[in-house]
Amino acid sequence: MQASGVIPILLNTKPIALHFHDRSIMIQCLKGRILQGKIMFKGQTIWITGASSGIGEALAKQFVQRGASVILSSRNEAELERVCSKCTAAFEGADVHILPLDVLDEAAMEAKVSAACAFTGQIDMLINNAGISQRSLVLDTEMDTYRQLFDVDFFGQIALTKALLPLMIKRGSGHIAVTSSVAGKIGVPLRTGYCAVKHAVMGFFDALRAEMVPHGIQVSTITPGYIKTNIAYNALVGDGSNFARHDKNISAGMDVDECAAVIVRGFEKGKPEIAVGKGLEMFGLYAKRFFPRLAFKFAVKAGGVD
């Protein structure tokens, strides 16, 4: 007995209707061989900021493994060379490019977009992953430190996104992602500025997602909990200098390569928001919504997450 009907699917961010009159095609759909919102990265160009270490570096390896061309950006060109060498050594035929970028240099954004596009012809996906954290009480934190957090973690991401968006809109496809944090959902001690900026990031990119629907552009927010990176070591203290110590919660967190694999699977499934982590901090995401008092007590005790 044959089945018939219509299944709406999304290919290259443009919705189409798939008509089927063969049971085998229906079975393939049910098995996930044709997936709603599936993103195929092979042959695409992925631009990653903050790619010299941590989540950015781990994401680069994931995308290269999937056959994508990857553009690595950060201020540290020497570390970008290291990441590039690791990717090309681990994956035969890897197409990896280096584009130094300071997200504070707003005037250079259009030129950097042009340089990025020159590598392969277009940018299919931008992952705004550059950022810094904080480790200081509000009374000990100078206003310049708060401004630095917002300039790097918020305005820098917006400036690069705005510079690239017109090209994606003209093409009618593309994908913008940003790394936020569980701290963008829950306020915690020693991170007043970091929590504020990550809440702002979530608000901006959630709103951007709604604006981009008519243009066929996807927008994803990434919400990590404790991930084993150097984010605590590089965090700012009250006077703007580095914390220069490791955080025990971060050190006990999810492996960064495991984190990157979860994130990429989230992209492949078309998730608008990707929560990733393995500790109790992830419970805070649900507690904040359904048990806000419990979430507050948890935040005070836990001291926060990056």
Protein backbone atom coordinates (compact mmCIF):
# COMPACT_ATOMS: atom_id res chain seq x y z
CA MET A 1 0.00 0.00 0.00
CA GLN A 2 1.46 3.31 -1.06
CA ALA A 3 1.43 6.45 1.06
CA SER A 4 1.10 9.94 -0.28
CA GLY A 5 1.24 13.45 1.13
CA VAL A 6 3.40 16.53 1.57
CA ILE A 7 6.30 17.06 3.97
CA PRO A 8 7.61 20.63 4.46
CA ILE A 9 11.41 20.69 4.67
CA LEU A 10 14.13 23.34 4.73
CA LEU A 11 17.07 23.16 2.37
CA ASN A 12 19.63 26.00 2.27
CA THR A 13 17.29 27.96 4.60
CA LYS A 14 14.56 28.19 1.89
CA PRO A 15 11.34 26.30 2.73
CA ILE A 16 10.02 23.96 0.05
CA ALA A 17 7.40 21.22 -0.04
CA LEU A 18 8.46 17.64 -0.69
CA HIS A 19 5.77 15.54 -2.39
CA PHE A 20 6.10 11.80 -1.99
CA HIS A 21 4.14 8.91 -3.44
CA ASP A 22 6.50 6.16 -2.51
CA ARG A 23 6.64 4.51 0.87
CA SER A 24 10.42 4.17 0.69
CA ILE A 25 10.81 7.95 0.52
CA MET A 26 8.56 8.33 3.55
CA ILE A 27 10.70 5.83 5.44
CA GLN A 28 13.84 7.77 4.52
CA CYS A 29 12.25 10.92 5.89
CA LEU A 30 11.33 9.17 9.12
CA LYS A 31 14.84 7.78 9.45
CA GLY A 32 16.23 11.27 9.23
CA ARG A 33 17.96 11.04 5.86
CA ILE A 34 15.95 14.09 4.88
CA LEU A 35 15.89 16.29 7.97
CA GLN A 36 13.98 19.48 8.64
CA GLY A 37 16.47 22.29 9.05
CA LYS A 38 19.44 20.04 8.25
CA ILE A 39 22.59 21.97 7.42
CA MET A 40 25.17 20.25 5.25
CA PHE A 41 28.58 21.81 5.92
CA LYS A 42 30.58 20.08 3.21
CA GLY A 43 31.72 22.73 0.74
CA GLN A 44 30.50 25.61 2.92
CA THR A 45 32.70 28.38 4.30
CA ILE A 46 32.56 28.89 8.07
CA TRP A 47 34.10 31.99 9.65
CA ILE A 48 34.95 31.63 13.37
CA THR A 49 36.09 34.48 15.61
CA GLY A 50 37.87 33.76 18.87
CA ALA A 51 39.34 30.78 17.01
CA SER A 52 42.80 30.81 18.60
CA SER A 53 41.78 28.62 21.54
CA GLY A 54 38.91 27.08 23.47
CA ILE A 55 35.50 26.59 21.88
CA GLY A 56 36.54 28.41 18.70
CA GLU A 57 39.49 26.10 18.12
CA ALA A 58 37.40 23.01 18.85
CA LEU A 59 34.65 24.17 16.47
CA ALA A 60 37.23 24.66 13.72
CA LYS A 61 38.24 21.00 13.98
CA GLN A 62 34.62 19.88 13.87
CA PHE A 63 33.88 21.83 10.70
CA VAL A 64 37.09 20.82 8.92
CA GLN A 65 36.25 17.20 9.69
CA ARG A 66 32.88 17.74 8.00
CA GLY A 67 34.48 19.06 4.82
CA ALA A 68 33.92 22.78 5.33
CA SER A 69 36.35 25.55 4.49
CA VAL A 70 37.19 27.36 7.72
CA ILE A 71 38.39 30.92 8.33
CA LEU A 72 40.10 31.43 11.68
CA SER A 73 40.07 34.88 13.29
CA SER A 74 41.36 36.40 16.51
CA ARG A 75 43.96 38.96 17.56
CA ASN A 76 46.63 36.30 18.25
CA GLU A 77 48.04 35.41 14.83
CA ALA A 78 50.63 33.00 16.26
CA GLU A 79 47.91 30.94 17.94
CA LEU A 80 45.84 31.01 14.77
CA GLU A 81 48.84 29.51 12.94
CA ARG A 82 48.99 26.77 15.57
CA VAL A 83 45.29 25.94 15.19
CA CYS A 84 45.60 25.98 11.40
CA SER A 85 48.56 23.60 11.53
CA LYS A 86 46.68 21.21 13.82
CA CYS A 87 43.67 21.15 11.50
CA THR A 88 45.68 20.59 8.32
CA ALA A 89 47.79 17.89 9.98
CA ALA A 90 44.78 16.03 11.36
CA PHE A 91 42.53 16.17 8.29
CA GLU A 92 43.85 15.53 4.79
CA GLY A 93 42.74 18.15 2.30
CA ALA A 94 41.66 20.59 5.02
CA ASP A 95 40.95 24.07 3.67
CA VAL A 96 41.81 26.48 6.49
CA HIS A 97 42.52 30.21 6.24
CA ILE A 98 43.82 32.75 8.74
CA LEU A 99 42.39 36.26 9.03
CA PRO A 100 43.64 38.26 12.05
CA LEU A 101 40.83 40.33 13.53
CA ASP A 102 40.36 42.67 16.47
CA VAL A 103 36.64 42.98 17.18
CA LEU A 104 37.32 46.38 18.78
CA ASP A 105 38.41 47.77 15.41
CA GLU A 106 34.95 48.64 14.14
CA ALA A 107 36.30 50.72 11.24
CA ALA A 108 38.03 47.65 9.81
CA MET A 109 34.97 45.39 9.72
CA GLU A 110 33.93 45.96 6.10
CA ALA A 111 37.48 45.38 4.89
CA LYS A 112 37.71 42.18 6.97
CA VAL A 113 34.43 40.91 5.48
CA SER A 114 35.79 41.55 1.99
CA ALA A 115 39.02 39.73 2.86
CA ALA A 116 37.09 36.77 4.29
CA CYS A 117 34.89 36.50 1.21
CA ALA A 118 37.97 36.59 -1.03
CA PHE A 119 39.14 33.20 0.29
CA THR A 120 36.31 31.13 -1.18
CA GLY A 121 33.85 33.58 -2.69
CA GLN A 122 31.30 33.82 0.11
CA ILE A 123 30.67 33.26 3.82
CA ASP A 124 27.97 30.69 4.56
CA MET A 125 28.18 30.91 8.33
CA LEU A 126 29.64 33.34 10.86
CA ILE A 127 30.25 32.19 14.43
CA ASN A 128 30.77 35.17 16.77
CA ASN A 129 32.84 33.47 19.43
CA ALA A 130 35.27 36.19 20.56
CA GLY A 131 34.85 37.26 24.17
CA ILE A 132 36.21 37.80 27.66
CA SER A 133 34.79 37.11 31.12
CA GLN A 134 34.97 38.83 34.51
CA ARG A 135 35.97 37.97 38.09
CA SER A 136 35.31 40.97 40.35
CA LEU A 137 32.70 42.36 42.72
CA VAL A 138 30.66 45.34 41.56
CA LEU A 139 32.19 47.72 44.14
CA ASP A 140 35.68 46.75 42.95
CA THR A 141 34.98 47.08 39.22
CA GLU A 142 35.89 50.25 37.35
CA MET A 143 33.50 51.63 34.75
CA ASP A 144 36.20 51.27 32.08
CA THR A 145 36.25 47.53 32.78
CA TYR A 146 32.49 47.31 32.26
CA ARG A 147 32.89 49.25 29.00
CA GLN A 148 35.62 46.89 27.84
CA LEU A 149 33.38 43.87 28.47
CA PHE A 150 30.59 45.41 26.41
CA ASP A 151 32.92 46.56 23.64
CA VAL A 152 34.39 43.09 23.15
CA ASP A 153 31.50 40.77 23.99
CA PHE A 154 28.61 42.81 22.60
CA PHE A 155 29.44 45.70 20.29
CA GLY A 156 32.24 43.79 18.56
CA GLN A 157 29.85 40.94 17.71
CA ILE A 158 27.21 43.37 16.42
CA ALA A 159 29.70 45.32 14.28
CA LEU A 160 30.96 42.21 12.47
CA THR A 161 27.47 40.78 12.08
CA LYS A 162 26.16 44.04 10.59
CA ALA A 163 29.08 44.21 8.16
CA LEU A 164 28.40 40.69 6.85
CA LEU A 165 24.59 40.62 6.90
CA PRO A 166 23.98 42.66 3.71
CA LEU A 167 25.84 40.04 1.66
CA MET A 168 23.79 37.21 3.17
CA ILE A 169 20.54 39.13 2.66
CA LYS A 170 21.42 39.79 -0.97
CA ARG A 171 22.13 36.07 -1.47
CA GLY A 172 19.02 35.01 0.43
CA SER A 173 20.81 32.54 2.68
CA GLY A 174 23.31 32.34 5.51
CA HIS A 175 23.72 31.52 9.17
CA ILE A 176 24.80 33.76 12.06
CA ALA A 177 25.72 32.22 15.42
CA VAL A 178 26.96 33.73 18.67
CA THR A 179 28.45 32.22 21.80
CA SER A 180 26.56 33.46 24.84
CA SER A 181 26.53 31.70 28.24
CA VAL A 182 24.33 30.30 30.97
CA ALA A 183 25.35 33.60 32.59
CA GLY A 184 23.22 35.21 29.90
CA LYS A 185 20.21 33.60 31.59
CA ILE A 186 21.14 33.74 35.29
CA GLY A 187 22.77 36.56 37.27
CA VAL A 188 25.69 35.37 39.40
CA PRO A 189 28.33 36.87 41.74
CA LEU A 190 31.64 38.23 40.44
CA ARG A 191 30.22 38.55 36.91
CA THR A 192 27.92 41.58 37.03
CA GLY A 193 29.34 42.94 33.80
CA TYR A 194 29.70 39.56 32.12
CA CYS A 195 26.13 38.57 32.99
CA ALA A 196 24.85 41.93 31.77
CA VAL A 197 26.62 41.66 28.43
CA LYS A 198 25.58 38.04 27.86
CA HIS A 199 21.95 38.92 28.63
CA ALA A 200 22.30 41.69 26.05
CA VAL A 201 23.77 39.23 23.54
CA MET A 202 20.82 36.88 23.98
CA GLY A 203 18.33 39.72 23.56
CA PHE A 204 19.98 41.14 20.46
CA PHE A 205 20.41 37.86 18.60
CA ASP A 206 16.95 36.58 19.56
CA ALA A 207 15.52 39.75 18.04
CA LEU A 208 17.83 39.43 15.02
CA ARG A 209 16.54 35.89 14.46
CA ALA A 210 13.00 37.24 14.12
CA GLU A 211 14.13 40.00 11.75
CA MET A 212 16.02 37.58 9.50
CA VAL A 213 13.15 35.13 8.90
CA PRO A 214 11.94 36.97 5.76
CA HIS A 215 15.48 36.87 4.38
CA GLY A 216 16.03 33.12 4.85
CA ILE A 217 18.92 33.63 7.28
CA GLN A 218 19.28 31.45 10.36
CA VAL A 219 20.42 32.84 13.73
CA SER A 220 21.64 30.56 16.52
CA THR A 221 22.58 31.35 20.12
CA ILE A 222 24.99 29.05 21.97
CA THR A 223 24.58 28.78 25.74
CA PRO A 224 27.56 27.01 27.32
CA GLY A 225 27.88 26.12 30.96
CA TYR A 226 31.23 25.11 32.49
CA ILE A 227 33.58 24.20 29.62
CA LYS A 228 37.29 23.41 30.05
CA THR A 229 38.90 26.49 28.48
CA ASN A 230 41.10 29.38 29.58
CA ILE A 231 38.15 31.77 29.93
CA ALA A 232 38.61 32.20 33.68
CA TYR A 233 42.38 32.70 33.37
CA ASN A 234 41.84 35.46 30.79
CA ALA A 235 38.92 37.07 32.64
CA LEU A 236 39.08 40.70 33.74
CA VAL A 237 39.28 41.81 37.36
CA GLY A 238 38.09 45.17 38.62
CA ASP A 239 40.93 47.28 37.22
CA GLY A 240 40.84 45.59 33.83
CA SER A 241 43.86 43.34 34.34
CA ASN A 242 43.66 39.56 33.91
CA PHE A 243 42.40 37.24 36.63
CA ALA A 244 45.34 34.93 35.72
CA ARG A 245 44.05 31.99 37.69
CA HIS A 246 42.11 28.89 36.78
CA ASP A 247 38.54 28.43 38.02
CA LYS A 248 37.82 25.08 39.69
CA ASN A 249 34.35 24.90 38.16
CA ILE A 250 35.72 25.52 34.67
CA SER A 251 38.52 23.02 35.21
CA ALA A 252 35.95 20.37 36.15
CA GLY A 253 33.68 21.25 33.23
CA MET A 254 32.83 19.56 29.95
CA ASP A 255 35.69 18.74 27.60
CA VAL A 256 35.90 21.44 24.94
CA ASP A 257 35.92 18.98 22.02
CA GLU A 258 32.80 17.30 23.39
CA CYS A 259 31.24 20.76 23.72
CA ALA A 260 32.02 21.61 20.09
CA ALA A 261 30.53 18.33 18.88
CA VAL A 262 27.28 19.11 20.73
CA ILE A 263 27.17 22.60 19.23
CA VAL A 264 27.67 21.40 15.66
CA ARG A 265 25.00 18.72 16.08
CA GLY A 266 22.71 21.51 17.28
CA PHE A 267 23.45 23.46 14.10
CA GLU A 268 22.73 20.37 12.02
CA LYS A 269 19.38 19.92 13.74
CA GLY A 270 18.47 23.55 13.12
CA LYS A 271 18.21 24.45 16.81
CA PRO A 272 17.77 28.19 17.37
CA GLU A 273 19.35 27.93 20.84
CA ILE A 274 21.98 25.34 21.79
CA ALA A 275 22.57 24.70 25.49
CA VAL A 276 25.75 22.73 26.18
CA GLY A 277 27.28 21.54 29.43
CA LYS A 278 27.15 18.63 31.83
CA GLY A 279 27.03 20.07 35.35
CA LEU A 280 24.37 21.37 37.71
CA GLU A 281 24.67 24.78 36.04
CA MET A 282 22.58 23.41 33.17
CA PHE A 283 19.77 22.71 35.63
CA GLY A 284 19.80 26.43 36.33
CA LEU A 285 18.41 27.12 32.85
CA TYR A 286 15.24 25.24 33.70
CA ALA A 287 15.10 26.32 37.33
CA LYS A 288 15.23 30.00 36.29
CA ARG A 289 12.07 29.51 34.23
CA PHE A 290 10.02 27.30 36.53
CA PHE A 291 11.60 27.76 40.00
CA PRO A 292 13.19 31.25 40.04
CA ARG A 293 13.80 31.32 43.80
CA LEU A 294 15.62 28.01 43.62
CA ALA A 295 17.69 29.29 40.69
CA PHE A 296 18.65 32.37 42.71
CA LYS A 297 19.83 30.25 45.66
CA PHE A 298 21.78 28.05 43.27
CA ALA A 299 23.47 31.06 41.67
CA VAL A 300 24.56 32.47 45.02
CA LYS A 301 26.01 29.13 46.11
CA ALA A 302 27.60 28.19 42.80
CA GLY A 303 29.22 31.55 42.19
CA GLY A 304 28.24 31.53 38.53
CA VAL A 305 29.24 30.00 35.23
CA ASP A 306 31.03 31.01 32.04
